[in-house]
Amino acid sequence: MPARPARRPLAARFRWRMLGKFGASSLISTGLSQAVFALVYYLHGAPTVASVSAFVAGAIPNYFLNRFWTWKRRDRIRGVRELLPYATVVVGTALLAIAVTNVTDHLVAPVGSHLVRTAVVTGSYLGTYAVMFGVKFVLLDRLIFGPTARLNRPAATAAPPSDDADPAGPTSPA
């Protein structure tokens, strides 16, 4: 009788499930972002205006979907300690998208059809986020939301004692 294949460890299955949820929430956010980007750009908005508008339309629901659904975080949102790193990751991706869409817009400027230009520049916006998908997952998981995330560790309440500290405590001059 052939040996049964070994099951993947629970942690590995959990990560794949999280990656699937991250992908689904990214699809929802990307759908919103793409629609906003295409609309703003088609209405003759500059690529930067379209990118920023699309970023806002996708980043807000993406934060809540990932925090509460993907990583099942139910604790209180920890302000700067959580939002600042999240904003750094997503704003960095948005700045990259702004750069890519502006370069693409410049390259397709000679194309006569505005509809074709809209499709190509919108595609470059989507491509940027597709490339950054894995990078964002790792950063959000390792730094912000994941069970081993650096930000999940309690903040130190006191500085560790130095090697040259007097074990009897501070002395007063007499």
C-alpha atoms as a PDB file:
ATOM      1  CA  MET A   1       0.000   0.000   0.000  1.00  0.00           C
ATOM      2  CA  PRO A   2       1.516   3.398  -0.968  1.00  0.00           C
ATOM      3  CA  ALA A   3       2.444   5.805   1.785  1.00  0.00           C
ATOM      4  CA  ARG A   4       0.087   8.671   2.401  1.00  0.00           C
ATOM      5  CA  PRO A   5       1.574  12.055   1.481  1.00  0.00           C
ATOM      6  CA  ALA A   6       2.470  14.148   4.483  1.00  0.00           C
ATOM      7  CA  ARG A   7       0.191  17.088   5.197  1.00  0.00           C
ATOM      8  CA  ARG A   8       1.664  20.524   5.254  1.00  0.00           C
ATOM      9  CA  PRO A   9       2.190  21.951   8.712  1.00  0.00           C
ATOM     10  CA  LEU A  10      -0.679  24.001  10.094  1.00  0.00           C
ATOM     11  CA  ALA A  11       1.388  27.204   9.951  1.00  0.00           C
ATOM     12  CA  ALA A  12       2.007  26.730   6.209  1.00  0.00           C
ATOM     13  CA  ARG A  13      -1.705  26.121   5.519  1.00  0.00           C
ATOM     14  CA  PHE A  14      -2.555  29.188   7.628  1.00  0.00           C
ATOM     15  CA  ARG A  15      -0.159  31.371   5.570  1.00  0.00           C
ATOM     16  CA  TRP A  16      -1.683  30.174   2.280  1.00  0.00           C
ATOM     17  CA  ARG A  17      -5.167  30.929   3.625  1.00  0.00           C
ATOM     18  CA  MET A  18      -4.009  34.400   4.684  1.00  0.00           C
ATOM     19  CA  LEU A  19      -2.414  34.973   1.291  1.00  0.00           C
ATOM     20  CA  GLY A  20      -5.722  34.031  -0.332  1.00  0.00           C
ATOM     21  CA  LYS A  21      -7.627  36.487   1.851  1.00  0.00           C
ATOM     22  CA  PHE A  22      -5.001  39.159   1.187  1.00  0.00           C
ATOM     23  CA  GLY A  23      -5.455  38.483  -2.519  1.00  0.00           C
ATOM     24  CA  ALA A  24      -9.237  38.751  -2.292  1.00  0.00           C
ATOM     25  CA  SER A  25      -9.095  42.003  -0.330  1.00  0.00           C
ATOM     26  CA  SER A  26      -6.525  43.305  -2.802  1.00  0.00           C
ATOM     27  CA  LEU A  27      -8.852  42.431  -5.689  1.00  0.00           C
ATOM     28  CA  ILE A  28     -11.684  44.376  -4.068  1.00  0.00           C
ATOM     29  CA  SER A  29      -9.458  47.380  -3.352  1.00  0.00           C
ATOM     30  CA  THR A  30      -7.815  47.182  -6.761  1.00  0.00           C
ATOM     31  CA  GLY A  31     -11.205  47.062  -8.457  1.00  0.00           C
ATOM     32  CA  LEU A  32     -12.219  50.260  -6.678  1.00  0.00           C
ATOM     33  CA  SER A  33      -8.867  51.893  -7.401  1.00  0.00           C
ATOM     34  CA  GLN A  34      -8.875  50.893 -11.072  1.00  0.00           C
ATOM     35  CA  ALA A  35     -12.382  52.220 -11.612  1.00  0.00           C
ATOM     36  CA  VAL A  36     -11.517  55.549  -9.989  1.00  0.00           C
ATOM     37  CA  PHE A  37      -8.190  55.816 -11.842  1.00  0.00           C
ATOM     38  CA  ALA A  38      -9.757  55.074 -15.231  1.00  0.00           C
ATOM     39  CA  LEU A  39     -12.621  57.505 -14.639  1.00  0.00           C
ATOM     40  CA  VAL A  40     -10.447  60.391 -13.438  1.00  0.00           C
ATOM     41  CA  TYR A  41      -7.859  59.871 -16.194  1.00  0.00           C
ATOM     42  CA  TYR A  42     -10.557  59.480 -18.878  1.00  0.00           C
ATOM     43  CA  LEU A  43     -12.089  62.766 -17.708  1.00  0.00           C
ATOM     44  CA  HIS A  44      -8.686  64.334 -18.511  1.00  0.00           C
ATOM     45  CA  GLY A  45      -7.311  64.287 -14.984  1.00  0.00           C
ATOM     46  CA  ALA A  46      -3.542  64.312 -14.771  1.00  0.00           C
ATOM     47  CA  PRO A  47      -1.925  60.936 -13.983  1.00  0.00           C
ATOM     48  CA  THR A  48      -0.924  62.190 -10.529  1.00  0.00           C
ATOM     49  CA  VAL A  49      -4.494  63.293  -9.724  1.00  0.00           C
ATOM     50  CA  ALA A  50      -5.859  59.986 -11.022  1.00  0.00           C
ATOM     51  CA  SER A  51      -3.294  57.999  -9.001  1.00  0.00           C
ATOM     52  CA  VAL A  52      -3.931  59.880  -5.768  1.00  0.00           C
ATOM     53  CA  SER A  53      -7.714  59.605  -6.193  1.00  0.00           C
ATOM     54  CA  ALA A  54      -7.420  55.881  -6.900  1.00  0.00           C
ATOM     55  CA  PHE A  55      -5.063  55.399  -3.965  1.00  0.00           C
ATOM     56  CA  VAL A  56      -7.538  56.945  -1.518  1.00  0.00           C
ATOM     57  CA  ALA A  57     -10.416  54.923  -2.988  1.00  0.00           C
ATOM     58  CA  GLY A  58      -8.526  51.649  -2.463  1.00  0.00           C
ATOM     59  CA  ALA A  59      -6.289  52.196   0.566  1.00  0.00           C
ATOM     60  CA  ILE A  60      -9.012  52.854   3.120  1.00  0.00           C
ATOM     61  CA  PRO A  61     -11.104  49.719   2.490  1.00  0.00           C
ATOM     62  CA  ASN A  62      -7.888  47.712   2.001  1.00  0.00           C
ATOM     63  CA  TYR A  63      -6.668  48.632   5.495  1.00  0.00           C
ATOM     64  CA  PHE A  64      -9.864  47.506   7.177  1.00  0.00           C
ATOM     65  CA  LEU A  65     -10.273  44.347   5.060  1.00  0.00           C
ATOM     66  CA  ASN A  66      -6.726  43.267   5.793  1.00  0.00           C
ATOM     67  CA  ARG A  67      -6.704  44.170   9.462  1.00  0.00           C
ATOM     68  CA  PHE A  68     -10.035  42.616  10.402  1.00  0.00           C
ATOM     69  CA  TRP A  69     -10.487  39.838   7.805  1.00  0.00           C
ATOM     70  CA  THR A  70      -7.060  38.719   6.566  1.00  0.00           C
ATOM     71  CA  TRP A  71      -5.175  38.945   9.870  1.00  0.00           C
ATOM     72  CA  LYS A  72      -8.271  38.746  12.148  1.00  0.00           C
ATOM     73  CA  ARG A  73      -7.068  41.593  14.325  1.00  0.00           C
ATOM     74  CA  ARG A  74      -9.810  42.607  16.764  1.00  0.00           C
ATOM     75  CA  ASP A  75      -7.745  44.638  19.194  1.00  0.00           C
ATOM     76  CA  ARG A  76      -7.757  48.401  19.363  1.00  0.00           C
ATOM     77  CA  ILE A  77      -6.040  50.204  16.479  1.00  0.00           C
ATOM     78  CA  ARG A  78      -2.754  51.452  17.887  1.00  0.00           C
ATOM     79  CA  GLY A  79      -2.556  54.836  16.187  1.00  0.00           C
ATOM     80  CA  VAL A  80       0.913  55.874  15.131  1.00  0.00           C
ATOM     81  CA  ARG A  81       2.440  52.526  16.037  1.00  0.00           C
ATOM     82  CA  GLU A  82       0.228  50.729  13.507  1.00  0.00           C
ATOM     83  CA  LEU A  83      -1.001  53.374  11.085  1.00  0.00           C
ATOM     84  CA  LEU A  84       2.355  55.012  10.362  1.00  0.00           C
ATOM     85  CA  PRO A  85       4.069  51.805   9.157  1.00  0.00           C
ATOM     86  CA  TYR A  86       0.939  50.867   7.173  1.00  0.00           C
ATOM     87  CA  ALA A  87       0.841  54.316   5.590  1.00  0.00           C
ATOM     88  CA  THR A  88       4.557  54.087   4.788  1.00  0.00           C
ATOM     89  CA  VAL A  89       4.064  50.795   2.928  1.00  0.00           C
ATOM     90  CA  VAL A  90       0.992  51.875   0.968  1.00  0.00           C
ATOM     91  CA  VAL A  91       2.132  55.445   0.290  1.00  0.00           C
ATOM     92  CA  GLY A  92       5.463  54.090  -0.975  1.00  0.00           C
ATOM     93  CA  THR A  93       3.547  51.864  -3.382  1.00  0.00           C
ATOM     94  CA  ALA A  94       1.344  54.800  -4.400  1.00  0.00           C
ATOM     95  CA  LEU A  95       4.390  56.992  -5.108  1.00  0.00           C
ATOM     96  CA  LEU A  96       5.782  54.240  -7.303  1.00  0.00           C
ATOM     97  CA  ALA A  97       2.443  54.054  -9.146  1.00  0.00           C
ATOM     98  CA  ILE A  98       2.448  57.828  -9.637  1.00  0.00           C
ATOM     99  CA  ALA A  99       5.929  57.663 -11.142  1.00  0.00           C
ATOM    100  CA  VAL A 100       5.050  54.751 -13.428  1.00  0.00           C
ATOM    101  CA  THR A 101       1.787  56.292 -14.638  1.00  0.00           C
ATOM    102  CA  ASN A 102       3.445  59.652 -15.335  1.00  0.00           C
ATOM    103  CA  VAL A 103       6.201  57.980 -17.374  1.00  0.00           C
ATOM    104  CA  THR A 104       3.617  55.870 -19.217  1.00  0.00           C
ATOM    105  CA  ASP A 105       1.481  58.957 -19.885  1.00  0.00           C
ATOM    106  CA  HIS A 106       4.505  60.712 -21.363  1.00  0.00           C
ATOM    107  CA  LEU A 107       5.347  57.696 -23.551  1.00  0.00           C
ATOM    108  CA  VAL A 108       1.813  57.319 -24.948  1.00  0.00           C
ATOM    109  CA  ALA A 109       1.175  61.051 -25.438  1.00  0.00           C
ATOM    110  CA  PRO A 110       1.620  60.760 -29.244  1.00  0.00           C
ATOM    111  CA  VAL A 111      -1.142  58.117 -29.478  1.00  0.00           C
ATOM    112  CA  GLY A 112      -4.169  59.721 -31.112  1.00  0.00           C
ATOM    113  CA  SER A 113      -6.925  57.877 -29.276  1.00  0.00           C
ATOM    114  CA  HIS A 114      -7.644  59.072 -25.749  1.00  0.00           C
ATOM    115  CA  LEU A 115      -9.396  55.761 -25.048  1.00  0.00           C
ATOM    116  CA  VAL A 116      -6.230  53.820 -25.974  1.00  0.00           C
ATOM    117  CA  ARG A 117      -4.067  56.147 -23.854  1.00  0.00           C
ATOM    118  CA  THR A 118      -6.477  55.646 -20.942  1.00  0.00           C
ATOM    119  CA  ALA A 119      -6.266  51.855 -21.304  1.00  0.00           C
ATOM    120  CA  VAL A 120      -2.459  51.830 -21.456  1.00  0.00           C
ATOM    121  CA  VAL A 121      -1.920  54.235 -18.536  1.00  0.00           C
ATOM    122  CA  THR A 122      -4.556  52.439 -16.460  1.00  0.00           C
ATOM    123  CA  GLY A 123      -2.766  49.165 -17.255  1.00  0.00           C
ATOM    124  CA  SER A 124       0.506  50.603 -15.987  1.00  0.00           C
ATOM    125  CA  TYR A 125      -1.234  51.572 -12.738  1.00  0.00           C
ATOM    126  CA  LEU A 126      -2.565  48.030 -12.341  1.00  0.00           C
ATOM    127  CA  GLY A 127       0.817  46.546 -13.249  1.00  0.00           C
ATOM    128  CA  THR A 128       2.561  48.512 -10.540  1.00  0.00           C
ATOM    129  CA  TYR A 129       0.210  47.172  -7.877  1.00  0.00           C
ATOM    130  CA  ALA A 130       0.470  43.638  -9.281  1.00  0.00           C
ATOM    131  CA  VAL A 131       4.260  43.746  -8.975  1.00  0.00           C
ATOM    132  CA  MET A 132       4.044  45.136  -5.437  1.00  0.00           C
ATOM    133  CA  PHE A 133       1.460  42.567  -4.264  1.00  0.00           C
ATOM    134  CA  GLY A 134       3.959  40.114  -2.754  1.00  0.00           C
ATOM    135  CA  VAL A 135       6.169  42.827  -1.303  1.00  0.00           C
ATOM    136  CA  LYS A 136       3.186  44.420   0.448  1.00  0.00           C
ATOM    137  CA  PHE A 137       1.993  41.072   1.830  1.00  0.00           C
ATOM    138  CA  VAL A 138       5.383  40.319   3.381  1.00  0.00           C
ATOM    139  CA  LEU A 139       5.768  43.823   4.822  1.00  0.00           C
ATOM    140  CA  LEU A 140       2.248  43.956   6.259  1.00  0.00           C
ATOM    141  CA  ASP A 141       2.555  40.448   7.697  1.00  0.00           C
ATOM    142  CA  ARG A 142       6.041  40.803   9.162  1.00  0.00           C
ATOM    143  CA  LEU A 143       5.866  44.398  10.367  1.00  0.00           C
ATOM    144  CA  ILE A 144       2.272  45.301  11.146  1.00  0.00           C
ATOM    145  CA  PHE A 145      -0.523  42.720  11.303  1.00  0.00           C
ATOM    146  CA  GLY A 146       0.920  39.201  11.457  1.00  0.00           C
ATOM    147  CA  PRO A 147       1.165  37.110  14.637  1.00  0.00           C
ATOM    148  CA  THR A 148       4.945  37.527  14.726  1.00  0.00           C
ATOM    149  CA  ALA A 149       4.894  41.155  13.618  1.00  0.00           C
ATOM    150  CA  ARG A 150       7.349  43.445  15.313  1.00  0.00           C
ATOM    151  CA  LEU A 151       4.488  45.810  16.192  1.00  0.00           C
ATOM    152  CA  ASN A 152       2.565  43.078  18.029  1.00  0.00           C
ATOM    153  CA  ARG A 153       5.225  42.876  20.691  1.00  0.00           C
ATOM    154  CA  PRO A 154       4.558  44.935  23.795  1.00  0.00           C
ATOM    155  CA  ALA A 155       6.485  48.147  24.055  1.00  0.00           C
ATOM    156  CA  ALA A 156       9.321  48.147  26.537  1.00  0.00           C
ATOM    157  CA  THR A 157       8.329  49.954  29.708  1.00  0.00           C
ATOM    158  CA  ALA A 158      11.809  50.619  30.998  1.00  0.00           C
ATOM    159  CA  ALA A 159      15.271  50.698  29.541  1.00  0.00           C
ATOM    160  CA  PRO A 160      17.354  47.611  30.289  1.00  0.00           C
ATOM    161  CA  PRO A 161      20.025  48.188  32.932  1.00  0.00           C
ATOM    162  CA  SER A 162      23.460  49.029  31.623  1.00  0.00           C
ATOM    163  CA  ASP A 163      26.513  47.006  32.580  1.00  0.00           C
ATOM    164  CA  ASP A 164      27.992  49.849  34.588  1.00  0.00           C
ATOM    165  CA  ALA A 165      24.859  50.548  36.638  1.00  0.00           C
ATOM    166  CA  ASP A 166      25.212  50.423  40.404  1.00  0.00           C
ATOM    167  CA  PRO A 167      23.024  47.566  41.732  1.00  0.00           C
ATOM    168  CA  ALA A 168      22.400  49.551  44.938  1.00  0.00           C
ATOM    169  CA  GLY A 169      20.711  52.288  42.927  1.00  0.00           C
ATOM    170  CA  PRO A 170      21.620  55.937  42.550  1.00  0.00           C
ATOM    171  CA  THR A 171      23.594  57.556  45.305  1.00  0.00           C
ATOM    172  CA  SER A 172      23.190  61.087  46.476  1.00  0.00           C
ATOM    173  CA  PRO A 173      26.206  63.307  46.999  1.00  0.00           C
ATOM    174  CA  ALA A 174      26.898  63.808  50.687  1.00  0.00           C
END
